[in-house]
């Protein structure tokens, strides 16, 4: 479950829980963190991990299967699709734009890639401490 990384469901965000979970899983699949053919955590495991109802995670898995991201082998588990073409357009365009702006601003201020990476890691650590 380490692939899930630092991920916090924000119940106050106004975004339904199942959509937050779906977006995280789509990101992990399209970015290759969950490899093609890799077995995913069970619905039960994810519901415990996220602290949400089993049916919420089940809805996410059904939605992802309908969209071709995953497939289920009855009695064996759920796996990342081996046939779907995961285009870079599957990433959240807002995040890509923010990352581009961060890099442009950092370079404009004379920062090196290691400086930017350290800054981002520090910000993730702050978020992790709040959780």
Protein backbone atom coordinates (compact mmCIF):
# COMPACT_ATOMS: atom_id res chain seq x y z
CA UNK A 1 0.00 0.00 0.00
CA UNK A 2 3.02 2.26 -0.03
CA UNK A 3 2.08 3.19 -3.59
CA UNK A 4 -0.77 5.26 -2.16
CA UNK A 5 1.82 7.57 -0.61
CA UNK A 6 0.80 10.59 1.38
CA UNK A 7 -2.85 10.82 0.55
CA UNK A 8 -5.48 12.39 2.71
CA UNK A 9 -9.19 12.34 2.05
CA UNK A 10 -10.60 15.78 2.72
CA UNK A 11 -14.18 15.34 3.91
CA UNK A 12 -14.66 19.12 4.05
CA UNK A 13 -13.57 19.75 0.46
CA UNK A 14 -17.00 19.34 -1.10
CA UNK A 15 -15.57 16.75 -3.51
CA UNK A 16 -17.25 13.38 -2.93
CA UNK A 17 -14.99 10.81 -1.24
CA UNK A 18 -15.31 8.31 -4.07
CA UNK A 19 -14.11 10.91 -6.58
CA UNK A 20 -11.08 11.80 -4.41
CA UNK A 21 -10.15 8.10 -4.19
CA UNK A 22 -10.80 7.57 -7.91
CA UNK A 23 -8.55 10.49 -8.88
CA UNK A 24 -5.74 9.16 -6.69
CA UNK A 25 -5.98 5.69 -8.19
CA UNK A 26 -6.16 7.03 -11.75
CA UNK A 27 -3.02 9.07 -11.07
CA UNK A 28 -1.18 6.06 -9.65
CA UNK A 29 -2.18 3.93 -12.63
CA UNK A 30 -1.48 6.48 -15.37
CA UNK A 31 1.84 7.49 -13.82
CA UNK A 32 2.98 3.86 -13.72
CA UNK A 33 3.20 3.65 -9.94
CA UNK A 34 0.79 0.72 -10.30
CA UNK A 35 2.23 -1.21 -13.24
CA UNK A 36 0.21 -2.85 -15.99
CA UNK A 37 -0.97 -6.23 -14.78
CA UNK A 38 -0.17 -5.42 -11.14
CA UNK A 39 -2.61 -6.65 -8.53
CA UNK A 40 -4.31 -3.82 -6.66
CA UNK A 41 -5.25 -3.80 -2.98
CA UNK A 42 -8.66 -5.35 -2.33
CA UNK A 43 -11.73 -3.22 -1.86
CA UNK A 44 -11.71 -4.21 1.80
CA UNK A 45 -8.03 -3.22 2.24
CA UNK A 46 -8.62 0.19 0.68
CA UNK A 47 -11.78 0.84 2.66
CA UNK A 48 -9.85 0.18 5.88
CA UNK A 49 -6.85 2.22 4.68
CA UNK A 50 -8.99 5.22 3.75
CA UNK A 51 -11.42 4.78 6.64
CA UNK A 52 -14.42 4.81 4.31
CA UNK A 53 -17.34 2.51 3.69
CA UNK A 54 -16.68 -0.66 1.67
CA UNK A 55 -19.37 0.38 -0.83
CA UNK A 56 -17.57 3.68 -1.52
CA UNK A 57 -14.40 1.89 -2.62
CA UNK A 58 -16.42 -0.74 -4.47
CA UNK A 59 -18.06 2.08 -6.46
CA UNK A 60 -14.60 3.43 -7.35
CA UNK A 61 -13.43 0.02 -8.56
CA UNK A 62 -16.60 -0.48 -10.62
CA UNK A 63 -16.12 2.96 -12.19
CA UNK A 64 -12.44 2.31 -12.97
CA UNK A 65 -13.28 -1.08 -14.46
CA UNK A 66 -16.00 0.47 -16.64
CA UNK A 67 -13.45 3.04 -17.88
CA UNK A 68 -10.88 0.33 -18.67
CA UNK A 69 -8.26 1.19 -16.04
CA UNK A 70 -8.62 -2.08 -14.15
CA UNK A 71 -10.10 -5.56 -14.54
CA UNK A 72 -11.19 -8.20 -12.07
CA UNK A 73 -10.34 -11.90 -12.11
CA UNK A 74 -13.06 -13.56 -10.09
CA UNK A 75 -11.58 -15.04 -6.92
CA UNK A 76 -8.08 -13.72 -7.72
CA UNK A 77 -8.33 -9.97 -7.32
CA UNK A 78 -8.29 -6.73 -9.25
CA UNK A 79 -5.48 -5.77 -11.63
CA UNK A 80 -4.30 -2.78 -13.66
CA UNK A 81 -5.40 -3.06 -17.27
CA UNK A 82 -2.76 -4.34 -19.65
CA UNK A 83 -4.52 -3.03 -22.74
CA UNK A 84 -5.64 0.54 -21.96
CA UNK A 85 -3.43 3.26 -23.42
CA UNK A 86 -2.62 5.56 -20.52
CA UNK A 87 -2.03 8.88 -22.23
CA UNK A 88 -0.43 11.78 -20.43
CA UNK A 89 -3.77 13.59 -20.80
CA UNK A 90 -5.04 11.35 -18.00
CA UNK A 91 -3.08 13.48 -15.51
CA UNK A 92 -4.81 16.36 -13.78
CA UNK A 93 -4.20 19.36 -16.05
CA UNK A 94 -4.35 21.78 -13.12
CA UNK A 95 -1.50 20.01 -11.32
CA UNK A 96 0.59 19.89 -14.49
CA UNK A 97 0.04 23.63 -14.98
CA UNK A 98 0.98 24.37 -11.36
CA UNK A 99 4.12 22.26 -11.65
CA UNK A 100 5.09 24.13 -14.81
CA UNK A 101 4.56 27.47 -13.12
CA UNK A 102 6.59 26.33 -10.08
CA UNK A 103 9.50 25.26 -12.27
CA UNK A 104 9.38 28.45 -14.37
CA UNK A 105 9.32 30.64 -11.26
CA UNK A 106 12.08 28.64 -9.54
CA UNK A 107 14.37 28.80 -12.58
CA UNK A 108 13.67 32.53 -12.87
CA UNK A 109 14.86 32.94 -9.27
CA UNK A 110 18.02 30.95 -9.91
CA UNK A 111 17.01 27.73 -8.18
CA UNK A 112 18.45 24.40 -9.26
CA UNK A 113 16.37 21.23 -9.59
CA UNK A 114 17.71 19.90 -6.27
CA UNK A 115 16.54 23.10 -4.54
CA UNK A 116 13.03 22.74 -5.99
CA UNK A 117 12.83 19.05 -5.11
CA UNK A 118 13.89 19.78 -1.53
CA UNK A 119 11.27 22.51 -1.29
CA UNK A 120 8.54 20.18 -2.56
CA UNK A 121 9.64 17.40 -0.18
CA UNK A 122 9.51 19.87 2.72
CA UNK A 123 5.97 20.86 1.78
CA UNK A 124 4.88 17.22 1.62
CA UNK A 125 6.44 16.63 5.04
CA UNK A 126 4.42 19.55 6.47
CA UNK A 127 1.22 18.09 5.05
CA UNK A 128 2.08 14.66 6.39
CA UNK A 129 2.64 16.09 9.91
CA UNK A 130 -0.80 17.72 9.84
CA UNK A 131 -2.51 14.43 9.09
